[in-house]
Amino acid sequence: MRQRILMAIGGLLCVVAVAQAGDVDKGKALYTGRCAFCHGATGKGEGPVGAALKPPPSNFTSTDYWKTSNDEQVKNAIKNGKPGTPMVPFGTSLSSDDIENLLAYLKTFTPK
């Protein structure tokens, strides 16, 4: 009986994990419309406005970026902005699902 309960809990955790995973295609659409202007189409921080910003936008293709940023930090930066940088908060205009979708798309820039 105990084993069945543990298996059921494990199954529920898997469902929750899958439910929280973002949609890359939706994230790409959001990124193109909201982020690429600064971060660039390729995620390198080289958007049309990016070169003029100090400090420059985050480079999502950088190994260093992903070594120093976990999922919660990235979502927090999207939601609340980054003090001391030009990164503005999007928490009032993006839902939690939108932010999850953006995170899923940003991870496609991760160096292989």
C-alpha atoms as a PDB file:
ATOM      1  CA  MET A   1       0.000   0.000   0.000  1.00  0.00           C
ATOM      2  CA  ARG A   2       2.775   2.416   0.929  1.00  0.00           C
ATOM      3  CA  GLN A   3       4.499   1.714  -2.381  1.00  0.00           C
ATOM      4  CA  ARG A   4       1.317   2.561  -4.306  1.00  0.00           C
ATOM      5  CA  ILE A   5       0.952   5.842  -2.449  1.00  0.00           C
ATOM      6  CA  LEU A   6       4.561   6.776  -3.181  1.00  0.00           C
ATOM      7  CA  MET A   7       4.086   5.879  -6.855  1.00  0.00           C
ATOM      8  CA  ALA A   8       0.931   8.011  -7.010  1.00  0.00           C
ATOM      9  CA  ILE A   9       2.739  10.964  -5.442  1.00  0.00           C
ATOM     10  CA  GLY A  10       5.611  10.511  -7.888  1.00  0.00           C
ATOM     11  CA  GLY A  11       3.163  10.481 -10.782  1.00  0.00           C
ATOM     12  CA  LEU A  12       1.529  13.680  -9.576  1.00  0.00           C
ATOM     13  CA  LEU A  13       4.903  15.376  -9.287  1.00  0.00           C
ATOM     14  CA  CYS A  14       5.664  14.429 -12.891  1.00  0.00           C
ATOM     15  CA  VAL A  15       2.345  15.892 -14.036  1.00  0.00           C
ATOM     16  CA  VAL A  16       3.031  19.125 -12.140  1.00  0.00           C
ATOM     17  CA  ALA A  17       6.528  19.367 -13.637  1.00  0.00           C
ATOM     18  CA  VAL A  18       5.161  18.895 -17.146  1.00  0.00           C
ATOM     19  CA  ALA A  19       2.378  21.418 -16.517  1.00  0.00           C
ATOM     20  CA  GLN A  20       4.936  24.038 -15.481  1.00  0.00           C
ATOM     21  CA  ALA A  21       7.126  23.585 -18.548  1.00  0.00           C
ATOM     22  CA  GLY A  22       6.751  26.503 -20.911  1.00  0.00           C
ATOM     23  CA  ASP A  23       5.714  26.451 -24.551  1.00  0.00           C
ATOM     24  CA  VAL A  24       8.718  27.318 -26.743  1.00  0.00           C
ATOM     25  CA  ASP A  25       6.604  28.512 -29.692  1.00  0.00           C
ATOM     26  CA  LYS A  26       4.555  30.867 -27.526  1.00  0.00           C
ATOM     27  CA  GLY A  27       7.766  32.030 -25.862  1.00  0.00           C
ATOM     28  CA  LYS A  28       9.329  32.770 -29.250  1.00  0.00           C
ATOM     29  CA  ALA A  29       6.349  34.924 -30.236  1.00  0.00           C
ATOM     30  CA  LEU A  30       6.609  36.854 -26.962  1.00  0.00           C
ATOM     31  CA  TYR A  31      10.377  37.216 -27.323  1.00  0.00           C
ATOM     32  CA  THR A  32      10.068  38.527 -30.870  1.00  0.00           C
ATOM     33  CA  GLY A  33       7.486  41.098 -29.829  1.00  0.00           C
ATOM     34  CA  ARG A  34       8.855  42.154 -26.449  1.00  0.00           C
ATOM     35  CA  CYS A  35      12.526  41.236 -26.077  1.00  0.00           C
ATOM     36  CA  ALA A  36      14.318  41.129 -29.430  1.00  0.00           C
ATOM     37  CA  PHE A  37      14.378  44.922 -29.715  1.00  0.00           C
ATOM     38  CA  CYS A  38      17.035  44.965 -26.968  1.00  0.00           C
ATOM     39  CA  HIS A  39      18.307  41.381 -26.777  1.00  0.00           C
ATOM     40  CA  GLY A  40      18.370  40.773 -30.548  1.00  0.00           C
ATOM     41  CA  ALA A  41      16.812  38.031 -32.636  1.00  0.00           C
ATOM     42  CA  THR A  42      19.661  35.663 -31.791  1.00  0.00           C
ATOM     43  CA  GLY A  43      19.664  36.407 -28.042  1.00  0.00           C
ATOM     44  CA  LYS A  44      23.168  37.898 -28.026  1.00  0.00           C
ATOM     45  CA  GLY A  45      22.087  41.287 -26.671  1.00  0.00           C
ATOM     46  CA  GLU A  46      22.594  42.908 -30.061  1.00  0.00           C
ATOM     47  CA  GLY A  47      19.110  44.205 -30.811  1.00  0.00           C
ATOM     48  CA  PRO A  48      18.564  47.569 -32.520  1.00  0.00           C
ATOM     49  CA  VAL A  49      18.553  49.315 -29.127  1.00  0.00           C
ATOM     50  CA  GLY A  50      20.954  46.953 -27.346  1.00  0.00           C
ATOM     51  CA  ALA A  51      24.183  48.650 -28.443  1.00  0.00           C
ATOM     52  CA  ALA A  52      23.103  51.931 -26.843  1.00  0.00           C
ATOM     53  CA  LEU A  53      22.190  50.401 -23.473  1.00  0.00           C
ATOM     54  CA  LYS A  54      24.554  50.465 -20.505  1.00  0.00           C
ATOM     55  CA  PRO A  55      25.080  47.891 -19.235  1.00  0.00           C
ATOM     56  CA  PRO A  56      24.279  45.952 -22.401  1.00  0.00           C
ATOM     57  CA  PRO A  57      21.389  43.467 -22.448  1.00  0.00           C
ATOM     58  CA  SER A  58      22.044  39.919 -21.278  1.00  0.00           C
ATOM     59  CA  ASN A  59      23.565  37.561 -23.827  1.00  0.00           C
ATOM     60  CA  PHE A  60      21.468  34.400 -23.653  1.00  0.00           C
ATOM     61  CA  THR A  61      23.936  32.511 -25.858  1.00  0.00           C
ATOM     62  CA  SER A  62      26.712  32.931 -23.292  1.00  0.00           C
ATOM     63  CA  THR A  63      27.763  29.958 -21.202  1.00  0.00           C
ATOM     64  CA  ASP A  64      28.565  32.394 -18.385  1.00  0.00           C
ATOM     65  CA  TYR A  65      25.002  33.729 -18.391  1.00  0.00           C
ATOM     66  CA  TRP A  66      23.512  30.278 -17.805  1.00  0.00           C
ATOM     67  CA  LYS A  67      26.173  29.348 -15.224  1.00  0.00           C
ATOM     68  CA  THR A  68      25.206  32.338 -13.094  1.00  0.00           C
ATOM     69  CA  SER A  69      21.430  32.438 -13.715  1.00  0.00           C
ATOM     70  CA  ASN A  70      18.939  29.823 -12.581  1.00  0.00           C
ATOM     71  CA  ASP A  71      15.318  29.598 -13.740  1.00  0.00           C
ATOM     72  CA  GLU A  72      13.957  31.576 -10.797  1.00  0.00           C
ATOM     73  CA  GLN A  73      16.455  34.392 -11.321  1.00  0.00           C
ATOM     74  CA  VAL A  74      15.572  34.648 -15.016  1.00  0.00           C
ATOM     75  CA  LYS A  75      11.839  34.648 -14.284  1.00  0.00           C
ATOM     76  CA  ASN A  76      12.356  37.258 -11.556  1.00  0.00           C
ATOM     77  CA  ALA A  77      14.297  39.502 -13.960  1.00  0.00           C
ATOM     78  CA  ILE A  78      11.481  39.252 -16.509  1.00  0.00           C
ATOM     79  CA  LYS A  79       8.829  39.924 -13.893  1.00  0.00           C
ATOM     80  CA  ASN A  80      10.552  42.623 -11.824  1.00  0.00           C
ATOM     81  CA  GLY A  81      13.294  43.987 -14.074  1.00  0.00           C
ATOM     82  CA  LYS A  82      16.938  44.239 -13.018  1.00  0.00           C
ATOM     83  CA  PRO A  83      17.897  47.195 -10.823  1.00  0.00           C
ATOM     84  CA  GLY A  84      20.902  49.101 -12.116  1.00  0.00           C
ATOM     85  CA  THR A  85      20.227  47.988 -15.688  1.00  0.00           C
ATOM     86  CA  PRO A  86      17.855  49.092 -18.454  1.00  0.00           C
ATOM     87  CA  MET A  87      15.870  45.839 -18.009  1.00  0.00           C
ATOM     88  CA  VAL A  88      12.315  46.939 -17.251  1.00  0.00           C
ATOM     89  CA  PRO A  89       9.717  44.858 -15.377  1.00  0.00           C
ATOM     90  CA  PHE A  90       7.129  42.967 -17.407  1.00  0.00           C
ATOM     91  CA  GLY A  91       5.258  41.500 -14.437  1.00  0.00           C
ATOM     92  CA  THR A  92       2.190  43.651 -14.968  1.00  0.00           C
ATOM     93  CA  SER A  93       1.920  42.893 -18.680  1.00  0.00           C
ATOM     94  CA  LEU A  94       2.920  39.209 -18.756  1.00  0.00           C
ATOM     95  CA  SER A  95       1.193  36.330 -16.990  1.00  0.00           C
ATOM     96  CA  SER A  96       3.061  33.606 -15.107  1.00  0.00           C
ATOM     97  CA  ASP A  97       2.426  31.321 -18.088  1.00  0.00           C
ATOM     98  CA  ASP A  98       3.877  33.941 -20.450  1.00  0.00           C
ATOM     99  CA  ILE A  99       7.006  34.134 -18.307  1.00  0.00           C
ATOM    100  CA  GLU A 100       7.319  30.324 -18.271  1.00  0.00           C
ATOM    101  CA  ASN A 101       6.961  30.345 -22.062  1.00  0.00           C
ATOM    102  CA  LEU A 102       9.642  33.017 -22.394  1.00  0.00           C
ATOM    103  CA  LEU A 103      11.981  31.027 -20.162  1.00  0.00           C
ATOM    104  CA  ALA A 104      11.437  27.931 -22.302  1.00  0.00           C
ATOM    105  CA  TYR A 105      12.356  29.917 -25.410  1.00  0.00           C
ATOM    106  CA  LEU A 106      15.364  31.601 -23.779  1.00  0.00           C
ATOM    107  CA  LYS A 107      16.735  28.161 -22.980  1.00  0.00           C
ATOM    108  CA  THR A 108      16.871  27.414 -26.720  1.00  0.00           C
ATOM    109  CA  PHE A 109      19.747  29.921 -26.860  1.00  0.00           C
ATOM    110  CA  THR A 110      21.768  27.853 -24.366  1.00  0.00           C
ATOM    111  CA  PRO A 111      25.157  26.916 -25.827  1.00  0.00           C
ATOM    112  CA  LYS A 112      25.382  23.235 -26.710  1.00  0.00           C
END
